């Protein structure tokens, strides 16, 4: 990820990286988390998510569906992070998603989570996800309560993505960075947490057939790494039961 928020100026101060570094440590599973933000959930959905994220999971890859296919970009995979932001609206949990700008070099016009590659100032992958969310949609880290992380996902475009799940304060109003984000919207978590709402499709890219996960909600077409990460979370939740 329907609520659509207006665009703002291209000019926004870059988030202070030190703001996202003071409270970070590494947990026993090897991912960075913020002690200042870590939460005990107060909704059944959040309890289930916490349990699901504690399940042991293997890293995923675009190549799981495309064995033997060459990478689209021939460079060493670079670390990146995304935030899967959950927010309660009228008693229902929603997933905040973005539509990327048509002018971006990577994944232009696609639906994605707030996130991006790690910078030298990022103490942990989670720090990068929170910084990018602040820059892209105006989400202050103080409004995020972190539940945990999904497995890393390697993309055919040369990134290894660390996804983090966080609960956002209900009074959050998005302020998208127009240079990178065309739109911020929400999709019901109940839809995206059901593995039955995902399927595999394919496209021909550079003479190679590429398969990928897809989930649709109304006019929203969620595909690629975003859909794959959501599918993994949905599968984990299915294994926890109700």
Protein backbone atom coordinates (compact mmCIF):
# COMPACT_ATOMS: atom_id res chain seq x y z
CA UNK A 1 0.00 0.00 0.00
CA UNK A 2 -8.23 3.34 -0.06
CA UNK A 3 -6.98 6.57 1.32
CA UNK A 4 -4.97 8.76 -1.02
CA UNK A 5 -2.88 11.60 0.30
CA UNK A 6 -1.78 14.69 -1.61
CA UNK A 7 1.74 15.34 -2.79
CA UNK A 8 4.01 17.89 -1.20
CA UNK A 9 7.13 19.78 -2.21
CA UNK A 10 10.17 17.96 -3.57
CA UNK A 11 12.26 19.71 -0.93
CA UNK A 12 12.50 18.04 2.46
CA UNK A 13 15.41 18.02 4.92
CA UNK A 14 17.22 14.67 4.87
CA UNK A 15 16.59 12.71 8.05
CA UNK A 16 19.34 12.91 10.66
CA UNK A 17 20.89 9.45 10.61
CA UNK A 18 22.08 9.71 14.20
CA UNK A 19 18.44 9.94 15.28
CA UNK A 20 17.95 6.32 14.17
CA UNK A 21 21.20 4.96 15.65
CA UNK A 22 21.22 5.68 19.38
CA UNK A 23 18.99 2.81 20.51
CA UNK A 24 19.93 0.09 18.02
CA UNK A 25 21.33 -3.29 18.99
CA UNK A 26 21.63 -6.67 17.31
CA UNK A 27 19.37 -9.43 18.56
CA UNK A 28 20.18 -13.13 18.66
CA UNK A 29 18.72 -13.63 15.16
CA UNK A 30 21.17 -11.15 13.72
CA UNK A 31 18.88 -8.27 12.72
CA UNK A 32 19.00 -4.77 14.13
CA UNK A 33 16.12 -3.59 16.26
CA UNK A 34 15.39 -0.42 18.17
CA UNK A 35 14.97 -0.87 21.90
CA UNK A 36 13.23 2.50 22.13
CA UNK A 37 10.58 1.38 19.62
CA UNK A 38 10.14 -2.33 20.35
CA UNK A 39 6.61 -3.05 21.51
CA UNK A 40 4.27 -5.46 23.18
CA UNK A 41 1.30 -5.66 20.78
CA UNK A 42 -2.20 -4.76 21.96
CA UNK A 43 -4.25 -6.33 19.14
CA UNK A 44 -4.68 -10.03 18.31
CA UNK A 45 -3.34 -9.39 14.79
CA UNK A 46 -0.12 -7.96 16.20
CA UNK A 47 0.33 -10.89 18.58
CA UNK A 48 -0.02 -13.28 15.63
CA UNK A 49 2.46 -11.28 13.60
CA UNK A 50 4.98 -11.34 16.43
CA UNK A 51 4.61 -15.12 16.68
CA UNK A 52 4.86 -15.48 12.90
CA UNK A 53 8.03 -13.41 12.71
CA UNK A 54 9.60 -15.58 15.39
CA UNK A 55 9.23 -18.64 13.17
CA UNK A 56 12.44 -19.75 11.54
CA UNK A 57 12.45 -18.84 7.85
CA UNK A 58 14.94 -19.12 5.00
CA UNK A 59 15.86 -16.15 2.80
CA UNK A 60 13.85 -15.89 -0.42
CA UNK A 61 14.87 -14.79 -3.88
CA UNK A 62 13.43 -13.77 -7.22
CA UNK A 63 15.38 -16.75 -8.54
CA UNK A 64 13.19 -19.18 -6.55
CA UNK A 65 10.70 -18.91 -9.44
CA UNK A 66 13.37 -18.32 -12.10
CA UNK A 67 16.02 -20.97 -11.64
CA UNK A 68 18.83 -20.64 -14.17
CA UNK A 69 17.82 -17.14 -15.26
CA UNK A 70 20.62 -14.53 -15.18
CA UNK A 71 20.35 -11.43 -12.98
CA UNK A 72 18.91 -8.34 -14.63
CA UNK A 73 21.72 -6.20 -13.19
CA UNK A 74 25.24 -7.65 -13.17
CA UNK A 75 26.63 -6.19 -9.96
CA UNK A 76 27.21 -7.53 -6.48
CA UNK A 77 23.92 -7.53 -4.54
CA UNK A 78 23.59 -4.44 -2.37
CA UNK A 79 21.85 -4.35 1.02
CA UNK A 80 18.52 -2.56 1.27
CA UNK A 81 15.71 -2.36 3.80
CA UNK A 82 11.98 -1.72 3.73
CA UNK A 83 9.35 -1.02 6.35
CA UNK A 84 6.01 -2.82 6.21
CA UNK A 85 3.91 -0.20 8.02
CA UNK A 86 0.64 -1.31 9.63
CA UNK A 87 -1.94 1.20 10.82
CA UNK A 88 -5.38 0.90 12.39
CA UNK A 89 -8.21 2.70 10.59
CA UNK A 90 -11.78 2.45 11.91
CA UNK A 91 -10.98 -0.71 13.85
CA UNK A 92 -9.26 -2.48 10.93
CA UNK A 93 -5.55 -2.96 10.28
CA UNK A 94 -4.27 -1.55 7.00
CA UNK A 95 -0.93 -1.83 5.19
CA UNK A 96 0.61 1.44 4.02
CA UNK A 97 2.11 1.20 0.55
CA UNK A 98 3.51 3.65 -1.97
CA UNK A 99 3.40 4.06 -5.72
CA UNK A 100 6.90 4.95 -6.85
CA UNK A 101 7.55 7.92 -9.09
CA UNK A 102 7.59 7.28 -12.84
CA UNK A 103 10.95 9.08 -13.01
CA UNK A 104 12.95 6.77 -10.75
CA UNK A 105 15.79 4.63 -12.13
CA UNK A 106 14.64 1.44 -10.37
CA UNK A 107 11.08 0.05 -10.33
CA UNK A 108 9.47 3.23 -11.62
CA UNK A 109 5.71 3.36 -11.13
CA UNK A 110 5.59 0.13 -9.12
CA UNK A 111 3.90 -0.39 -5.77
CA UNK A 112 6.37 -0.78 -2.95
CA UNK A 113 7.05 -0.35 0.74
CA UNK A 114 8.89 2.70 2.04
CA UNK A 115 12.56 1.79 1.92
CA UNK A 116 15.82 1.84 0.03
CA UNK A 117 19.47 0.91 0.06
CA UNK A 118 21.64 1.18 3.15
CA UNK A 119 23.77 4.31 3.45
CA UNK A 120 27.02 4.72 5.36
CA UNK A 121 25.18 6.49 8.18
CA UNK A 122 22.79 3.57 8.81
CA UNK A 123 23.83 1.66 11.93
CA UNK A 124 21.55 -1.30 11.10
CA UNK A 125 19.18 -2.39 8.35
CA UNK A 126 16.26 -1.25 10.54
CA UNK A 127 17.81 2.19 10.84
CA UNK A 128 17.83 2.40 7.05
CA UNK A 129 14.17 1.35 6.80
CA UNK A 130 13.09 3.99 9.33
CA UNK A 131 15.21 6.69 7.72
CA UNK A 132 13.80 5.94 4.27
CA UNK A 133 10.23 5.92 5.63
CA UNK A 134 10.86 9.33 7.14
CA UNK A 135 12.24 10.69 3.88
CA UNK A 136 9.72 9.10 1.52
CA UNK A 137 6.39 9.44 3.36
CA UNK A 138 7.16 11.72 6.32
CA UNK A 139 6.83 8.91 8.89
CA UNK A 140 8.67 9.90 12.06
CA UNK A 141 10.40 7.01 13.80
CA UNK A 142 8.70 7.94 17.09
CA UNK A 143 5.36 6.91 15.54
CA UNK A 144 6.57 3.36 14.73
CA UNK A 145 6.46 0.37 17.05
CA UNK A 146 8.54 -2.45 15.60
CA UNK A 147 7.19 -6.01 15.71
CA UNK A 148 10.10 -7.81 14.04
CA UNK A 149 11.50 -8.78 10.66
CA UNK A 150 10.73 -11.12 7.77
CA UNK A 151 13.39 -13.12 5.96
CA UNK A 152 15.74 -11.29 3.62
CA UNK A 153 14.76 -11.28 -0.06
CA UNK A 154 17.20 -11.10 -2.98
CA UNK A 155 15.95 -9.38 -6.14
CA UNK A 156 17.01 -10.02 -9.71
CA UNK A 157 17.88 -6.31 -9.91
CA UNK A 158 20.73 -6.72 -7.46
CA UNK A 159 19.44 -5.94 -3.96
CA UNK A 160 19.11 -8.01 -0.78
CA UNK A 161 16.14 -6.55 1.06
CA UNK A 162 15.62 -6.78 4.82
CA UNK A 163 11.88 -6.24 5.54
CA UNK A 164 10.71 -4.98 8.96
CA UNK A 165 7.14 -4.90 10.23
CA UNK A 166 6.06 -1.92 12.30
CA UNK A 167 2.83 -0.56 13.77
CA UNK A 168 2.23 3.11 13.01
CA UNK A 169 0.38 5.52 15.29
CA UNK A 170 -3.19 6.01 14.09
CA UNK A 171 -2.83 9.79 13.81
CA UNK A 172 -0.15 9.53 11.12
CA UNK A 173 -0.79 11.55 7.96
CA UNK A 174 1.51 10.81 5.03
CA UNK A 175 3.64 13.56 3.49
CA UNK A 176 5.05 11.89 0.36
CA UNK A 177 8.29 13.10 -1.17
CA UNK A 178 7.16 14.00 -4.68
CA UNK A 179 10.55 13.30 -6.26
CA UNK A 180 10.27 9.62 -5.28
CA UNK A 181 6.63 8.87 -4.42
CA UNK A 182 3.59 9.53 -6.61
CA UNK A 183 1.05 8.26 -4.10
CA UNK A 184 0.60 6.80 -0.61
CA UNK A 185 -2.37 4.50 -0.05
CA UNK A 186 -3.59 1.65 2.15
CA UNK A 187 -4.73 -1.92 1.55
CA UNK A 188 -6.53 -4.05 4.17
CA UNK A 189 -4.14 -6.30 6.05
CA UNK A 190 -6.78 -9.02 5.99
CA UNK A 191 -6.45 -9.16 2.20
CA UNK A 192 -2.65 -9.21 2.11
CA UNK A 193 -2.34 -11.71 4.98
CA UNK A 194 -4.28 -14.38 3.06
CA UNK A 195 -1.98 -16.58 0.90
CA UNK A 196 -4.99 -17.33 -1.31
CA UNK A 197 -4.89 -13.74 -2.59
CA UNK A 198 -1.53 -14.28 -4.28
CA UNK A 199 -0.70 -15.94 -7.59
CA UNK A 200 2.28 -16.35 -9.92
CA UNK A 201 2.42 -14.59 -13.29
CA UNK A 202 5.17 -14.08 -15.85
CA UNK A 203 6.54 -11.49 -18.25
CA UNK A 204 9.23 -11.59 -20.91
CA UNK A 205 12.13 -9.35 -19.90
CA UNK A 206 15.19 -9.04 -22.11
CA UNK A 207 14.28 -12.21 -23.96
CA UNK A 208 13.87 -14.19 -20.73
CA UNK A 209 10.60 -15.31 -19.19
CA UNK A 210 10.43 -14.08 -15.59
CA UNK A 211 7.93 -15.38 -13.06
CA UNK A 212 6.83 -13.34 -10.05
CA UNK A 213 4.20 -13.13 -7.32
CA UNK A 214 1.14 -10.90 -7.69
CA UNK A 215 -1.65 -9.74 -5.41
CA UNK A 216 -4.44 -7.43 -6.59
CA UNK A 217 -6.80 -5.31 -4.55
CA UNK A 218 -9.35 -3.24 -6.42
CA UNK A 219 -7.28 -1.31 -9.01
CA UNK A 220 -3.97 -1.96 -7.20
CA UNK A 221 -1.56 -4.39 -8.86
CA UNK A 222 1.09 -5.43 -6.35
CA UNK A 223 3.85 -7.56 -7.83
CA UNK A 224 7.53 -8.47 -7.70
CA UNK A 225 9.53 -8.25 -4.49
CA UNK A 226 6.75 -6.40 -2.65
CA UNK A 227 4.27 -9.19 -3.35
CA UNK A 228 6.86 -11.86 -2.54
CA UNK A 229 7.62 -10.33 0.86
CA UNK A 230 3.91 -10.03 1.65
CA UNK A 231 3.37 -13.63 0.53
CA UNK A 232 6.08 -14.81 2.93
CA UNK A 233 4.43 -12.92 5.80
CA UNK A 234 1.03 -14.35 4.85
CA UNK A 235 2.48 -17.87 4.76
CA UNK A 236 4.08 -17.42 8.17
CA UNK A 237 0.76 -16.21 9.58
CA UNK A 238 -1.02 -19.21 8.10
CA UNK A 239 1.36 -21.49 9.99
CA UNK A 240 0.54 -19.79 13.32
CA UNK A 241 -3.17 -20.59 12.99
CA UNK A 242 -5.93 -18.31 14.29
